[in-house]
Amino acid sequence: MGLGGIGIWQLLIILLIVVMLFGTKKLKNLGSDLGGALKGFKTAIKDDEAEESEESEEAAGETIDATAQKVETEKEEAK
């Protein structure tokens, strides 16, 4: 028994039919295109993570100086 009840012979027959339909050249091009897309995706993810870590390091070092001001409400003005 193979994957979900499909045996090794059934998988080989399916592979043979796919190769006959598309040809080895198209399958090779498809594989290289898929590999290039995955490589580009991984590079974009790494670049994005590096950018986020740089931004968080910059934000961690910043301090904000502020002074508080008393705001009078209408009840305090009525007194």
PDB file of N, CA and C in Angstrom:
ATOM      1  N   MET A   1       0.837  -1.189   0.000  1.00  0.00           N
ATOM      2  CA  MET A   1       0.000   0.000   0.000  1.00  0.00           C
ATOM      3  C   MET A   1       0.878   1.247   0.000  1.00  0.00           C
ATOM      4  N   GLY A   2       0.577   2.185  -0.835  1.00  0.00           N
ATOM      5  CA  GLY A   2       1.317   3.441  -0.927  1.00  0.00           C
ATOM      6  C   GLY A   2       0.534   4.567  -0.289  1.00  0.00           C
ATOM      7  N   LEU A   3       0.514   5.674  -0.964  1.00  0.00           N
ATOM      8  CA  LEU A   3      -0.169   6.867  -0.474  1.00  0.00           C
ATOM      9  C   LEU A   3      -1.670   6.758  -0.698  1.00  0.00           C
ATOM     10  N   GLY A   4      -2.435   6.634   0.342  1.00  0.00           N
ATOM     11  CA  GLY A   4      -3.891   6.606   0.237  1.00  0.00           C
ATOM     12  C   GLY A   4      -4.418   5.464  -0.614  1.00  0.00           C
ATOM     13  N   GLY A   5      -3.778   4.319  -0.563  1.00  0.00           N
ATOM     14  CA  GLY A   5      -4.237   3.175  -1.330  1.00  0.00           C
ATOM     15  C   GLY A   5      -3.646   3.096  -2.731  1.00  0.00           C
ATOM     16  N   ILE A   6      -2.801   4.055  -3.110  1.00  0.00           N
ATOM     17  CA  ILE A   6      -2.169   4.027  -4.426  1.00  0.00           C
ATOM     18  C   ILE A   6      -0.835   3.320  -4.282  1.00  0.00           C
ATOM     19  N   GLY A   7      -0.626   2.303  -5.073  1.00  0.00           N
ATOM     20  CA  GLY A   7       0.608   1.534  -5.015  1.00  0.00           C
ATOM     21  C   GLY A   7       1.695   2.141  -5.880  1.00  0.00           C
ATOM     22  N   ILE A   8       2.875   1.546  -5.818  1.00  0.00           N
ATOM     23  CA  ILE A   8       4.024   2.051  -6.568  1.00  0.00           C
ATOM     24  C   ILE A   8       3.791   1.929  -8.070  1.00  0.00           C
ATOM     25  N   TRP A   9       3.091   0.873  -8.517  1.00  0.00           N
ATOM     26  CA  TRP A   9       2.855   0.703  -9.947  1.00  0.00           C
ATOM     27  C   TRP A   9       1.913   1.774 -10.482  1.00  0.00           C
ATOM     28  N   GLN A  10       0.919   2.134  -9.703  1.00  0.00           N
ATOM     29  CA  GLN A  10       0.005   3.185 -10.135  1.00  0.00           C
ATOM     30  C   GLN A  10       0.733   4.528 -10.242  1.00  0.00           C
ATOM     31  N   LEU A  11       1.615   4.797  -9.287  1.00  0.00           N
ATOM     32  CA  LEU A  11       2.389   6.041  -9.339  1.00  0.00           C
ATOM     33  C   LEU A  11       3.303   6.077 -10.555  1.00  0.00           C
ATOM     34  N   LEU A  12       3.929   4.957 -10.882  1.00  0.00           N
ATOM     35  CA  LEU A  12       4.789   4.902 -12.069  1.00  0.00           C
ATOM     36  C   LEU A  12       3.997   5.113 -13.359  1.00  0.00           C
ATOM     37  N   ILE A  13       2.801   4.556 -13.431  1.00  0.00           N
ATOM     38  CA  ILE A  13       1.955   4.749 -14.613  1.00  0.00           C
ATOM     39  C   ILE A  13       1.550   6.213 -14.746  1.00  0.00           C
ATOM     40  N   ILE A  14       1.186   6.857 -13.643  1.00  0.00           N
ATOM     41  CA  ILE A  14       0.823   8.277 -13.666  1.00  0.00           C
ATOM     42  C   ILE A  14       2.015   9.115 -14.107  1.00  0.00           C
ATOM     43  N   LEU A  15       3.204   8.802 -13.588  1.00  0.00           N
ATOM     44  CA  LEU A  15       4.409   9.526 -13.969  1.00  0.00           C
ATOM     45  C   LEU A  15       4.691   9.372 -15.459  1.00  0.00           C
ATOM     46  N   LEU A  16       4.538   8.179 -15.977  1.00  0.00           N
ATOM     47  CA  LEU A  16       4.753   7.913 -17.402  1.00  0.00           C
ATOM     48  C   LEU A  16       3.775   8.715 -18.254  1.00  0.00           C
ATOM     49  N   ILE A  17       2.514   8.784 -17.851  1.00  0.00           N
ATOM     50  CA  ILE A  17       1.507   9.546 -18.605  1.00  0.00           C
ATOM     51  C   ILE A  17       1.844  11.040 -18.584  1.00  0.00           C
ATOM     52  N   VAL A  18       2.264  11.565 -17.438  1.00  0.00           N
ATOM     53  CA  VAL A  18       2.621  12.987 -17.332  1.00  0.00           C
ATOM     54  C   VAL A  18       3.807  13.296 -18.235  1.00  0.00           C
ATOM     55  N   VAL A  19       4.821  12.440 -18.234  1.00  0.00           N
ATOM     56  CA  VAL A  19       5.992  12.656 -19.091  1.00  0.00           C
ATOM     57  C   VAL A  19       5.591  12.596 -20.561  1.00  0.00           C
ATOM     58  N   MET A  20       4.712  11.704 -20.912  1.00  0.00           N
ATOM     59  CA  MET A  20       4.276  11.596 -22.308  1.00  0.00           C
ATOM     60  C   MET A  20       3.459  12.816 -22.734  1.00  0.00           C
ATOM     61  N   LEU A  21       2.649  13.364 -21.836  1.00  0.00           N
ATOM     62  CA  LEU A  21       1.823  14.523 -22.175  1.00  0.00           C
ATOM     63  C   LEU A  21       2.643  15.800 -22.309  1.00  0.00           C
ATOM     64  N   PHE A  22       3.512  16.062 -21.344  1.00  0.00           N
ATOM     65  CA  PHE A  22       4.215  17.337 -21.297  1.00  0.00           C
ATOM     66  C   PHE A  22       5.624  17.273 -21.877  1.00  0.00           C
ATOM     67  N   GLY A  23       6.239  16.139 -21.859  1.00  0.00           N
ATOM     68  CA  GLY A  23       7.610  16.036 -22.342  1.00  0.00           C
ATOM     69  C   GLY A  23       8.598  16.420 -21.255  1.00  0.00           C
ATOM     70  N   THR A  24       9.805  15.932 -21.385  1.00  0.00           N
ATOM     71  CA  THR A  24      10.801  16.177 -20.344  1.00  0.00           C
ATOM     72  C   THR A  24      11.281  17.620 -20.334  1.00  0.00           C
ATOM     73  N   LYS A  25      11.305  18.267 -21.505  1.00  0.00           N
ATOM     74  CA  LYS A  25      11.789  19.653 -21.573  1.00  0.00           C
ATOM     75  C   LYS A  25      10.858  20.599 -20.807  1.00  0.00           C
ATOM     76  N   LYS A  26       9.559  20.446 -21.006  1.00  0.00           N
ATOM     77  CA  LYS A  26       8.601  21.302 -20.297  1.00  0.00           C
ATOM     78  C   LYS A  26       8.649  21.040 -18.785  1.00  0.00           C
ATOM     79  N   LEU A  27       8.783  19.780 -18.399  1.00  0.00           N
ATOM     80  CA  LEU A  27       8.853  19.454 -16.974  1.00  0.00           C
ATOM     81  C   LEU A  27      10.118  20.025 -16.344  1.00  0.00           C
ATOM     82  N   LYS A  28      11.233  19.995 -17.098  1.00  0.00           N
ATOM     83  CA  LYS A  28      12.486  20.561 -16.594  1.00  0.00           C
ATOM     84  C   LYS A  28      12.346  22.078 -16.410  1.00  0.00           C
ATOM     85  N   ASN A  29      11.751  22.755 -17.399  1.00  0.00           N
ATOM     86  CA  ASN A  29      11.538  24.201 -17.297  1.00  0.00           C
ATOM     87  C   ASN A  29      10.601  24.542 -16.141  1.00  0.00           C
ATOM     88  N   LEU A  30       9.573  23.746 -15.987  1.00  0.00           N
ATOM     89  CA  LEU A  30       8.624  23.966 -14.901  1.00  0.00           C
ATOM     90  C   LEU A  30       9.317  23.821 -13.539  1.00  0.00           C
ATOM     91  N   GLY A  31      10.157  22.805 -13.424  1.00  0.00           N
ATOM     92  CA  GLY A  31      10.891  22.599 -12.177  1.00  0.00           C
ATOM     93  C   GLY A  31      11.854  23.728 -11.870  1.00  0.00           C
ATOM     94  N   SER A  32      12.556  24.222 -12.887  1.00  0.00           N
ATOM     95  CA  SER A  32      13.501  25.313 -12.649  1.00  0.00           C
ATOM     96  C   SER A  32      12.764  26.612 -12.322  1.00  0.00           C
ATOM     97  N   ASP A  33      11.622  26.851 -12.975  1.00  0.00           N
ATOM     98  CA  ASP A  33      10.826  28.040 -12.655  1.00  0.00           C
ATOM     99  C   ASP A  33      10.300  27.986 -11.226  1.00  0.00           C
ATOM    100  N   LEU A  34       9.848  26.825 -10.812  1.00  0.00           N
ATOM    101  CA  LEU A  34       9.342  26.656  -9.458  1.00  0.00           C
ATOM    102  C   LEU A  34      10.468  26.855  -8.437  1.00  0.00           C
ATOM    103  N   GLY A  35      11.631  26.305  -8.735  1.00  0.00           N
ATOM    104  CA  GLY A  35      12.780  26.477  -7.839  1.00  0.00           C
ATOM    105  C   GLY A  35      13.207  27.929  -7.731  1.00  0.00           C
ATOM    106  N   GLY A  36      13.207  28.650  -8.850  1.00  0.00           N
ATOM    107  CA  GLY A  36      13.557  30.072  -8.832  1.00  0.00           C
ATOM    108  C   GLY A  36      12.557  30.889  -8.032  1.00  0.00           C
ATOM    109  N   ALA A  37      11.289  30.547  -8.155  1.00  0.00           N
ATOM    110  CA  ALA A  37      10.261  31.266  -7.399  1.00  0.00           C
ATOM    111  C   ALA A  37      10.422  31.032  -5.906  1.00  0.00           C
ATOM    112  N   LEU A  38      10.708  29.802  -5.507  1.00  0.00           N
ATOM    113  CA  LEU A  38      10.913  29.506  -4.085  1.00  0.00           C
ATOM    114  C   LEU A  38      12.149  30.221  -3.543  1.00  0.00           C
ATOM    115  N   LYS A  39      13.208  30.271  -4.342  1.00  0.00           N
ATOM    116  CA  LYS A  39      14.434  30.953  -3.917  1.00  0.00           C
ATOM    117  C   LYS A  39      14.172  32.449  -3.728  1.00  0.00           C
ATOM    118  N   GLY A  40      13.447  33.048  -4.657  1.00  0.00           N
ATOM    119  CA  GLY A  40      13.093  34.465  -4.535  1.00  0.00           C
ATOM    120  C   GLY A  40      12.220  34.729  -3.323  1.00  0.00           C
ATOM    121  N   PHE A  41      11.289  33.824  -3.036  1.00  0.00           N
ATOM    122  CA  PHE A  41      10.416  33.974  -1.875  1.00  0.00           C
ATOM    123  C   PHE A  41      11.224  33.919  -0.584  1.00  0.00           C
ATOM    124  N   LYS A  42      12.149  32.965  -0.487  1.00  0.00           N
ATOM    125  CA  LYS A  42      12.989  32.849   0.711  1.00  0.00           C
ATOM    126  C   LYS A  42      13.850  34.088   0.901  1.00  0.00           C
ATOM    127  N   THR A  43      14.402  34.620  -0.186  1.00  0.00           N
ATOM    128  CA  THR A  43      15.222  35.828  -0.105  1.00  0.00           C
ATOM    129  C   THR A  43      14.391  37.010   0.380  1.00  0.00           C
ATOM    130  N   ALA A  44      13.168  37.146  -0.128  1.00  0.00           N
ATOM    131  CA  ALA A  44      12.298  38.243   0.289  1.00  0.00           C
ATOM    132  C   ALA A  44      11.947  38.131   1.764  1.00  0.00           C
ATOM    133  N   ILE A  45      11.705  36.922   2.245  1.00  0.00           N
ATOM    134  CA  ILE A  45      11.380  36.723   3.657  1.00  0.00           C
ATOM    135  C   ILE A  45      12.568  37.105   4.538  1.00  0.00           C
ATOM    136  N   LYS A  46      13.780  36.686   4.156  1.00  0.00           N
ATOM    137  CA  LYS A  46      14.974  37.023   4.937  1.00  0.00           C
ATOM    138  C   LYS A  46      15.212  38.525   4.960  1.00  0.00           C
ATOM    139  N   ASP A  47      15.028  39.192   3.819  1.00  0.00           N
ATOM    140  CA  ASP A  47      15.207  40.638   3.754  1.00  0.00           C
ATOM    141  C   ASP A  47      14.191  41.354   4.643  1.00  0.00           C
ATOM    142  N   ASP A  48      12.955  40.882   4.631  1.00  0.00           N
ATOM    143  CA  ASP A  48      11.907  41.492   5.439  1.00  0.00           C
ATOM    144  C   ASP A  48      12.198  41.323   6.927  1.00  0.00           C
ATOM    145  N   GLU A  49      12.655  40.132   7.327  1.00  0.00           N
ATOM    146  CA  GLU A  49      12.981  39.896   8.737  1.00  0.00           C
ATOM    147  C   GLU A  49      14.152  40.756   9.175  1.00  0.00           C
ATOM    148  N   ALA A  50      15.153  40.918   8.320  1.00  0.00           N
ATOM    149  CA  ALA A  50      16.307  41.750   8.657  1.00  0.00           C
ATOM    150  C   ALA A  50      15.889  43.207   8.807  1.00  0.00           C
ATOM    151  N   GLU A  51      14.994  43.673   7.949  1.00  0.00           N
ATOM    152  CA  GLU A  51      14.511  45.056   8.021  1.00  0.00           C
ATOM    153  C   GLU A  51      13.721  45.288   9.308  1.00  0.00           C
ATOM    154  N   GLU A  52      12.878  44.332   9.684  1.00  0.00           N
ATOM    155  CA  GLU A  52      12.090  44.463  10.906  1.00  0.00           C
ATOM    156  C   GLU A  52      12.985  44.466  12.140  1.00  0.00           C
ATOM    157  N   SER A  53      14.027  43.650  12.150  1.00  0.00           N
ATOM    158  CA  SER A  53      14.912  43.612  13.315  1.00  0.00           C
ATOM    159  C   SER A  53      15.698  44.912  13.439  1.00  0.00           C
ATOM    160  N   GLU A  54      16.088  45.518  12.300  1.00  0.00           N
ATOM    161  CA  GLU A  54      16.779  46.803  12.347  1.00  0.00           C
ATOM    162  C   GLU A  54      15.861  47.885  12.889  1.00  0.00           C
ATOM    163  N   GLU A  55      14.604  47.890  12.466  1.00  0.00           N
ATOM    164  CA  GLU A  55      13.652  48.892  12.949  1.00  0.00           C
ATOM    165  C   GLU A  55      13.391  48.734  14.440  1.00  0.00           C
ATOM    166  N   SER A  56      13.292  47.500  14.929  1.00  0.00           N
ATOM    167  CA  SER A  56      13.027  47.295  16.346  1.00  0.00           C
ATOM    168  C   SER A  56      14.245  47.688  17.189  1.00  0.00           C
ATOM    169  N   GLU A  57      15.460  47.486  16.679  1.00  0.00           N
ATOM    170  CA  GLU A  57      16.663  47.904  17.403  1.00  0.00           C
ATOM    171  C   GLU A  57      16.734  49.421  17.483  1.00  0.00           C
ATOM    172  N   GLU A  58      16.359  50.119  16.393  1.00  0.00           N
ATOM    173  CA  GLU A  58      16.365  51.577  16.399  1.00  0.00           C
ATOM    174  C   GLU A  58      15.312  52.116  17.360  1.00  0.00           C
ATOM    175  N   ALA A  59      14.145  51.509  17.384  1.00  0.00           N
ATOM    176  CA  ALA A  59      13.065  51.975  18.247  1.00  0.00           C
ATOM    177  C   ALA A  59      13.378  51.698  19.716  1.00  0.00           C
ATOM    178  N   ALA A  60      14.126  50.656  20.015  1.00  0.00           N
ATOM    179  CA  ALA A  60      14.441  50.323  21.400  1.00  0.00           C
ATOM    180  C   ALA A  60      15.375  51.359  22.015  1.00  0.00           C
ATOM    181  N   GLY A  61      16.193  52.005  21.219  1.00  0.00           N
ATOM    182  CA  GLY A  61      17.155  52.971  21.738  1.00  0.00           C
ATOM    183  C   GLY A  61      16.592  54.375  21.878  1.00  0.00           C
ATOM    184  N   GLU A  62      15.403  54.658  21.381  1.00  0.00           N
ATOM    185  CA  GLU A  62      14.830  55.991  21.425  1.00  0.00           C
ATOM    186  C   GLU A  62      14.112  56.237  22.749  1.00  0.00           C
ATOM    187  N   THR A  63      14.245  57.465  23.259  1.00  0.00           N
ATOM    188  CA  THR A  63      13.483  57.877  24.434  1.00  0.00           C
ATOM    189  C   THR A  63      12.702  59.131  24.067  1.00  0.00           C
ATOM    190  N   ILE A  64      11.590  59.296  24.704  1.00  0.00           N
ATOM    191  CA  ILE A  64      10.739  60.444  24.423  1.00  0.00           C
ATOM    192  C   ILE A  64      10.653  61.281  25.691  1.00  0.00           C
ATOM    193  N   ASP A  65      11.016  62.561  25.588  1.00  0.00           N
ATOM    194  CA  ASP A  65      10.907  63.490  26.704  1.00  0.00           C
ATOM    195  C   ASP A  65       9.595  64.250  26.561  1.00  0.00           C
ATOM    196  N   ALA A  66       8.785  64.229  27.618  1.00  0.00           N
ATOM    197  CA  ALA A  66       7.502  64.900  27.584  1.00  0.00           C
ATOM    198  C   ALA A  66       7.189  65.425  28.978  1.00  0.00           C
ATOM    199  N   THR A  67       6.435  66.482  29.018  1.00  0.00           N
ATOM    200  CA  THR A  67       6.002  67.029  30.297  1.00  0.00           C
ATOM    201  C   THR A  67       4.485  66.955  30.358  1.00  0.00           C
ATOM    202  N   ALA A  68       3.977  66.721  31.543  1.00  0.00           N
ATOM    203  CA  ALA A  68       2.539  66.606  31.736  1.00  0.00           C
ATOM    204  C   ALA A  68       1.961  67.975  32.049  1.00  0.00           C
ATOM    205  N   GLN A  69       0.776  68.236  31.551  1.00  0.00           N
ATOM    206  CA  GLN A  69       0.102  69.490  31.833  1.00  0.00           C
ATOM    207  C   GLN A  69      -1.242  69.175  32.461  1.00  0.00           C
ATOM    208  N   LYS A  70      -1.607  69.988  33.441  1.00  0.00           N
ATOM    209  CA  LYS A  70      -2.878  69.788  34.110  1.00  0.00           C
ATOM    210  C   LYS A  70      -3.980  70.371  33.235  1.00  0.00           C
ATOM    211  N   VAL A  71      -5.009  69.566  33.032  1.00  0.00           N
ATOM    212  CA  VAL A  71      -6.145  70.016  32.246  1.00  0.00           C
ATOM    213  C   VAL A  71      -7.304  70.233  33.207  1.00  0.00           C
ATOM    214  N   GLU A  72      -7.828  71.448  33.185  1.00  0.00           N
ATOM    215  CA  GLU A  72      -8.930  71.769  34.081  1.00  0.00           C
ATOM    216  C   GLU A  72     -10.245  71.339  33.424  1.00  0.00           C
ATOM    217  N   THR A  73     -11.073  70.705  34.200  1.00  0.00           N
ATOM    218  CA  THR A  73     -12.364  70.269  33.685  1.00  0.00           C
ATOM    219  C   THR A  73     -13.425  71.313  34.016  1.00  0.00           C
ATOM    220  N   GLU A  74     -14.617  71.133  33.493  1.00  0.00           N
ATOM    221  CA  GLU A  74     -15.706  72.097  33.718  1.00  0.00           C
ATOM    222  C   GLU A  74     -16.117  72.136  35.184  1.00  0.00           C
ATOM    223  N   LYS A  75     -16.027  71.011  35.902  1.00  0.00           N
ATOM    224  CA  LYS A  75     -16.417  71.000  37.325  1.00  0.00           C
ATOM    225  C   LYS A  75     -15.443  71.846  38.132  1.00  0.00           C
ATOM    226  N   GLU A  76     -14.154  71.770  37.837  1.00  0.00           N
ATOM    227  CA  GLU A  76     -13.176  72.556  38.580  1.00  0.00           C
ATOM    228  C   GLU A  76     -13.362  74.042  38.284  1.00  0.00           C
ATOM    229  N   GLU A  77     -13.776  74.392  37.054  1.00  0.00           N
ATOM    230  CA  GLU A  77     -13.973  75.793  36.690  1.00  0.00           C
ATOM    231  C   GLU A  77     -15.197  76.364  37.419  1.00  0.00           C
ATOM    232  N   ALA A  78     -16.202  75.525  37.684  1.00  0.00           N
ATOM    233  CA  ALA A  78     -17.424  75.981  38.315  1.00  0.00           C
ATOM    234  C   ALA A  78     -17.199  76.297  39.788  1.00  0.00           C
ATOM    235  N   LYS A  79     -16.220  75.696  40.410  1.00  0.00           N
ATOM    236  CA  LYS A  79     -15.973  75.917  41.833  1.00  0.00           C
ATOM    237  C   LYS A  79     -15.531  77.280  42.099  1.00  0.00           C
TER     238      LYS A  79
END
